[in-house]
Protein backbone atom coordinates (compact mmCIF):
# COMPACT_ATOMS: atom_id res chain seq x y z
CA MET A 1 -19.46 136.59 -94.98
CA THR A 2 -15.92 137.43 -93.13
CA THR A 3 -13.06 136.49 -94.98
CA LEU A 4 -9.74 135.57 -92.85
CA ILE A 5 -6.84 137.07 -94.17
CA THR A 6 -3.57 135.23 -92.53
CA ARG A 7 0.02 137.09 -92.33
CA ARG A 8 0.94 134.55 -95.34
CA THR A 9 -1.98 136.00 -97.83
CA LEU A 10 -0.61 139.88 -97.31
CA ILE A 11 2.95 138.89 -97.72
CA ALA A 12 2.14 136.73 -101.15
CA THR A 13 0.44 139.41 -102.32
CA GLY A 14 20.49 176.36 -89.23
CA THR A 15 17.24 176.87 -87.42
CA ALA A 16 16.56 178.73 -84.00
CA MET A 17 16.14 176.39 -81.67
CA THR A 18 13.81 176.65 -78.19
CA LEU A 19 14.64 173.80 -75.40
CA ILE A 20 11.62 172.91 -73.83
CA SER A 21 11.04 170.76 -70.45
CA ALA A 22 6.89 170.36 -71.07
CA LEU A 23 6.00 167.48 -73.18
CA PRO A 24 4.58 168.55 -76.46
CA SER A 25 1.27 168.26 -77.25
CA PRO A 26 -0.13 164.75 -78.88
CA VAL A 27 0.09 165.45 -83.00
CA SER A 28 -2.77 163.18 -83.51
CA ALA A 29 -3.96 159.51 -83.04
CA ALA A 30 -3.07 158.83 -86.67
CA GLY A 31 -0.77 155.82 -85.24
CA ALA A 32 -3.26 153.96 -83.43
CA GLY A 33 -3.96 150.44 -84.64
CA THR A 34 0.06 149.97 -85.85
CA PRO A 35 1.69 146.89 -85.21
CA THR A 36 4.29 146.90 -82.42
CA ILE A 37 8.13 149.01 -83.13
CA ALA A 38 10.77 148.76 -80.45
CA ALA A 39 14.06 150.64 -81.12
CA PHE A 40 17.07 150.48 -79.06
CA GLY A 41 19.74 153.52 -79.08
CA GLY A 42 23.22 151.45 -78.96
CA GLY A 43 25.35 150.36 -75.93
CA ARG A 44 23.71 147.69 -73.57
CA LEU A 45 20.18 146.83 -74.61
CA ASP A 46 17.34 147.18 -71.95
CA ASN A 47 16.72 144.04 -70.64
CA SER A 48 13.06 145.23 -69.60
CA LEU A 49 12.01 146.40 -73.08
CA ALA A 50 13.52 143.54 -74.85
CA ARG A 51 11.21 141.39 -72.66
CA LYS A 52 8.49 143.32 -73.86
CA LEU A 53 9.11 143.15 -77.56
CA VAL A 54 9.11 139.26 -77.14
CA LYS A 55 6.07 138.92 -75.10
CA GLU A 56 4.47 141.04 -78.04
CA ALA A 57 5.69 139.30 -80.67
CA LYS A 58 5.30 135.78 -79.03
CA ARG A 59 1.45 136.43 -79.10
CA GLY A 60 1.26 135.40 -82.66
CA GLY A 61 4.43 132.59 -82.09
CA ASN A 62 8.22 131.98 -81.42
CA ARG A 63 9.69 132.90 -84.64
CA ALA A 64 12.25 135.40 -84.99
CA VAL A 65 13.82 136.40 -88.48
CA ILE A 66 17.64 138.33 -87.78
CA VAL A 67 18.62 141.10 -90.85
CA SER A 68 22.81 141.43 -90.13
CA PHE A 69 23.78 142.99 -93.12
CA GLY A 70 24.61 146.25 -91.71
CA ALA A 71 26.87 144.22 -89.08
CA SER A 72 30.85 144.37 -89.23
CA ASP A 73 30.52 140.37 -89.49
CA PRO A 74 26.95 139.84 -90.40
CA VAL A 75 27.27 135.55 -89.87
CA ARG A 76 28.76 136.30 -86.45
CA ASP A 77 26.47 139.25 -85.09
CA GLY A 78 23.70 137.45 -86.82
CA ARG A 79 24.18 134.35 -84.69
CA ALA A 80 24.82 136.18 -81.54
CA ASP A 81 21.46 138.48 -81.74
CA ALA A 82 20.03 134.78 -82.78
CA ARG A 83 21.43 133.36 -78.92
CA TRP A 84 20.19 136.49 -77.36
CA LEU A 85 16.91 136.23 -78.65
CA ALA A 86 16.31 132.63 -77.98
CA SER A 87 17.51 132.84 -74.59
CA LEU A 88 14.32 135.37 -74.09
CA GLY A 89 12.38 132.99 -75.73
CA MET A 90 11.96 133.27 -79.54
CA CYS A 91 12.62 129.57 -79.94
CA LYS A 92 13.00 129.42 -84.01
CA THR A 93 15.35 131.82 -84.99
CA SER A 94 16.98 132.51 -88.84
CA ILE A 95 19.51 135.10 -90.45
CA VAL A 96 18.07 136.51 -93.51
CA GLY A 97 21.07 135.83 -96.11
CA VAL A 98 22.34 133.18 -93.95
CA ASP A 99 19.68 130.74 -93.64
CA LYS A 100 17.57 131.71 -96.61
CA ALA A 101 16.39 135.17 -98.72
CA GLY A 102 14.53 137.58 -96.66
CA ARG A 103 11.15 137.33 -98.51
CA ASP A 104 10.71 133.82 -97.40
CA LEU A 105 11.72 133.97 -94.11
CA PHE A 106 9.47 137.10 -93.63
CA LEU A 107 6.62 135.19 -94.60
CA ASP A 108 6.10 134.03 -91.12
CA ALA A 109 8.01 136.01 -88.96
CA ASP A 110 6.50 136.81 -85.72
CA LEU A 111 9.59 139.51 -84.73
CA ILE A 112 11.80 140.69 -87.02
CA TRP A 113 15.07 142.55 -85.77
CA PHE A 114 17.67 144.20 -87.08
CA THR A 115 21.39 144.51 -85.86
CA GLY A 116 23.61 146.98 -85.12
CA GLY A 117 26.22 148.25 -87.75
CA TYR A 118 25.60 150.66 -90.82
CA GLN A 119 22.50 151.59 -91.56
CA LYS A 120 22.78 152.04 -95.45
CA ARG A 121 24.18 148.82 -95.56
CA HIS A 122 21.39 147.32 -94.39
CA VAL A 123 19.55 149.31 -96.70
CA LEU A 124 21.05 148.38 -99.88
CA SER A 125 21.49 144.74 -99.18
CA LEU A 126 17.89 144.01 -98.28
CA GLY A 127 17.07 146.19 -101.23
CA GLY A 128 18.98 144.30 -103.55
CA ILE A 129 17.08 140.52 -103.23
CA THR A 130 13.79 140.73 -104.68
CA GLY A 131 11.04 141.57 -103.29
CA ALA A 132 12.51 141.90 -99.80
CA VAL A 133 11.56 145.03 -98.55
CA ALA A 134 7.60 144.56 -99.74
CA ALA A 135 7.83 141.21 -97.62
CA LEU A 136 9.38 142.87 -94.84
CA ARG A 137 6.66 145.98 -95.37
CA ALA A 138 3.76 143.52 -95.20
CA ALA A 139 5.11 141.45 -92.52
CA HIS A 140 4.74 144.27 -90.46
CA LYS A 141 1.27 145.08 -91.41
CA ALA A 142 0.39 141.46 -90.87
CA GLY A 143 1.50 141.70 -87.08
CA ALA A 144 5.30 141.04 -86.73
CA VAL A 145 6.72 143.33 -84.16
CA ILE A 146 9.49 145.09 -85.66
CA ALA A 147 12.72 145.56 -83.54
CA GLY A 148 16.32 146.85 -83.74
CA GLY A 149 19.64 148.23 -81.92
CA SER A 150 21.21 151.43 -83.34
CA ALA A 151 21.68 151.07 -87.04
CA GLY A 152 18.84 148.75 -86.63
CA ALA A 153 16.70 151.45 -85.10
CA ALA A 154 17.57 154.11 -87.91
CA VAL A 155 16.22 151.85 -90.83
CA MET A 156 12.53 152.25 -89.27
CA SER A 157 12.27 155.75 -90.55
CA LYS A 158 11.28 156.64 -94.17
CA VAL A 159 13.49 159.59 -93.77
CA MET A 160 16.93 157.67 -92.67
CA ILE A 161 19.88 159.68 -91.57
CA SER A 162 22.57 157.73 -92.87
CA GLY A 163 25.64 159.72 -91.31
CA GLY A 164 27.49 163.56 -91.23
CA LYS A 165 30.09 165.52 -89.99
CA PHE A 166 29.01 168.94 -88.20
CA PRO A 167 27.64 170.63 -89.65
CA GLN A 168 26.33 168.59 -92.73
CA VAL A 169 23.97 165.52 -92.02
CA TYR A 170 23.25 163.31 -94.55
CA THR A 171 19.88 161.15 -95.28
CA ARG A 172 18.57 158.78 -97.28
CA ALA A 173 14.94 156.42 -97.85
CA GLY A 174 14.95 153.72 -95.20
CA PHE A 175 12.36 151.23 -94.76
CA GLY A 176 9.77 153.55 -93.65
CA LEU A 177 8.11 151.00 -91.19
CA TRP A 178 7.73 154.13 -88.68
CA PRO A 179 7.28 157.01 -91.77
CA GLN A 180 6.28 159.91 -89.11
CA VAL A 181 9.62 160.11 -87.57
CA ILE A 182 13.37 159.91 -87.92
CA VAL A 183 15.02 157.91 -85.79
CA ASP A 184 18.48 158.47 -84.74
CA GLN A 185 20.84 156.76 -82.46
CA HIS A 186 23.80 157.23 -79.50
CA VAL A 187 22.32 160.56 -79.26
CA VAL A 188 23.78 162.07 -75.97
CA ALA A 189 26.94 159.11 -75.67
CA ARG A 190 27.86 160.81 -79.18
CA HIS A 191 26.86 164.28 -78.92
CA ARG A 192 24.49 163.78 -82.33
CA GLU A 193 21.62 166.40 -80.87
CA TRP A 194 22.16 168.54 -83.92
CA ARG A 195 21.85 165.83 -86.72
CA LEU A 196 18.51 165.36 -85.76
CA GLN A 197 17.74 169.31 -85.43
CA LYS A 198 19.03 169.76 -88.62
CA ALA A 199 16.89 166.78 -89.97
CA ILE A 200 13.98 168.18 -88.77
CA ALA A 201 14.32 171.70 -89.88
CA ALA A 202 14.87 169.86 -93.49
CA ASN A 203 11.84 167.71 -93.07
CA PRO A 204 9.46 169.86 -90.61
CA HIS A 205 6.59 167.64 -91.28
CA LEU A 206 8.07 164.81 -89.22
CA ILE A 207 9.29 164.17 -85.73
CA GLY A 208 12.42 163.55 -84.48
CA VAL A 209 13.40 160.61 -81.93
CA GLY A 210 16.81 160.60 -80.79
CA ILE A 211 17.40 157.24 -78.61
CA ASP A 212 20.74 157.48 -76.04
CA GLU A 213 22.81 154.52 -75.35
CA ARG A 214 21.01 151.78 -72.90
CA ALA A 215 17.70 153.75 -73.66
CA GLY A 216 15.10 152.76 -76.21
CA VAL A 217 11.31 153.04 -77.11
CA LEU A 218 7.97 150.75 -77.73
CA TYR A 219 5.62 151.94 -80.21
CA GLN A 220 2.10 150.63 -79.60
CA ASN A 221 -1.14 151.96 -81.12
CA GLY A 222 0.42 155.21 -81.50
CA GLU A 223 1.81 156.10 -78.21
CA MET A 224 5.43 155.67 -77.70
CA THR A 225 6.92 154.90 -74.30
CA VAL A 226 10.29 155.19 -72.53
CA TYR A 227 12.58 152.51 -71.46
CA GLY A 228 15.91 152.22 -70.25
CA ARG A 229 18.48 154.37 -67.96
CA SER A 230 19.32 157.26 -70.40
CA ARG A 231 17.38 159.68 -71.87
CA VAL A 232 15.24 160.02 -75.48
CA ILE A 233 15.37 163.26 -77.52
CA LEU A 234 11.88 164.44 -79.15
CA VAL A 235 12.62 166.97 -81.66
CA ARG A 236 10.04 168.66 -83.92
CA SER A 237 9.48 172.07 -85.96
CA VAL A 238 6.56 174.49 -84.71
CA ASN A 239 6.26 177.44 -86.28
CA GLY A 240 9.54 177.46 -88.17
CA LYS A 241 11.64 176.62 -84.39
CA ILE A 242 13.16 173.86 -83.37
CA GLN A 243 11.48 172.46 -80.16
CA GLU A 244 13.34 169.75 -78.03
CA THR A 245 11.96 167.68 -75.05
CA ARG A 246 14.18 164.86 -73.32
CA LEU A 247 12.35 162.20 -71.99
CA ARG A 248 13.29 159.56 -69.38
CA ARG A 249 12.05 156.08 -68.76
CA GLY A 250 8.41 155.82 -68.17
CA SER A 251 7.37 159.01 -70.53
CA LYS A 252 4.72 158.29 -72.67
CA VAL A 253 3.83 160.43 -75.95
CA VAL A 254 1.18 160.19 -78.36
CA LEU A 255 2.96 160.21 -81.74
């Protein structure tokens, strides 16, 4: 007998550095079959990646949920992003904390979008809503596309960069939606390469994904694809040394 499990059912219940130019060998296919993640590095969003993530989300429906706690003005910025997603075809949009609490909105979400701003504020505010983070993770596991720009990309990590000034980088727990990587944003534009290098040196079992402004990545079935006009920097620790790979549009890496 086959049991149908719906999305609603699931939810209810100081290191040496070596620069390399070639792509690193795939680490594993452990991410195969995982739901879709899209992360933008900040600045003007790449339209081709935006259209791709909406296309993936609309395989399930056209309901988008916006999380805007991290924004300087959560209501204004949440509504602006709701209009943007609606223009791309996500006809039903809701903002967490404005329309309903997070748990209820995540229940039927096809796309969950995190605005830019401050990643720590995203994590603390959503974490303060009973059951919201568990519902977010269950929605993603059930197939909802997770996407975000700038701070909204950083929150996807399990080990999240929350700030810092050279030479000190600060991390805290993120939502763990993309647990094997540490995402950082505005990396080239704001000279943040060192933050990922430090974070990966302290967490050598993880992979750093540094996304510059006007760049983004799509992660599906264990493979990351680079979009946009700028670069994505892949950072990993190999035998105690930091290896850095610079990727451009169209590059694909198995993570």
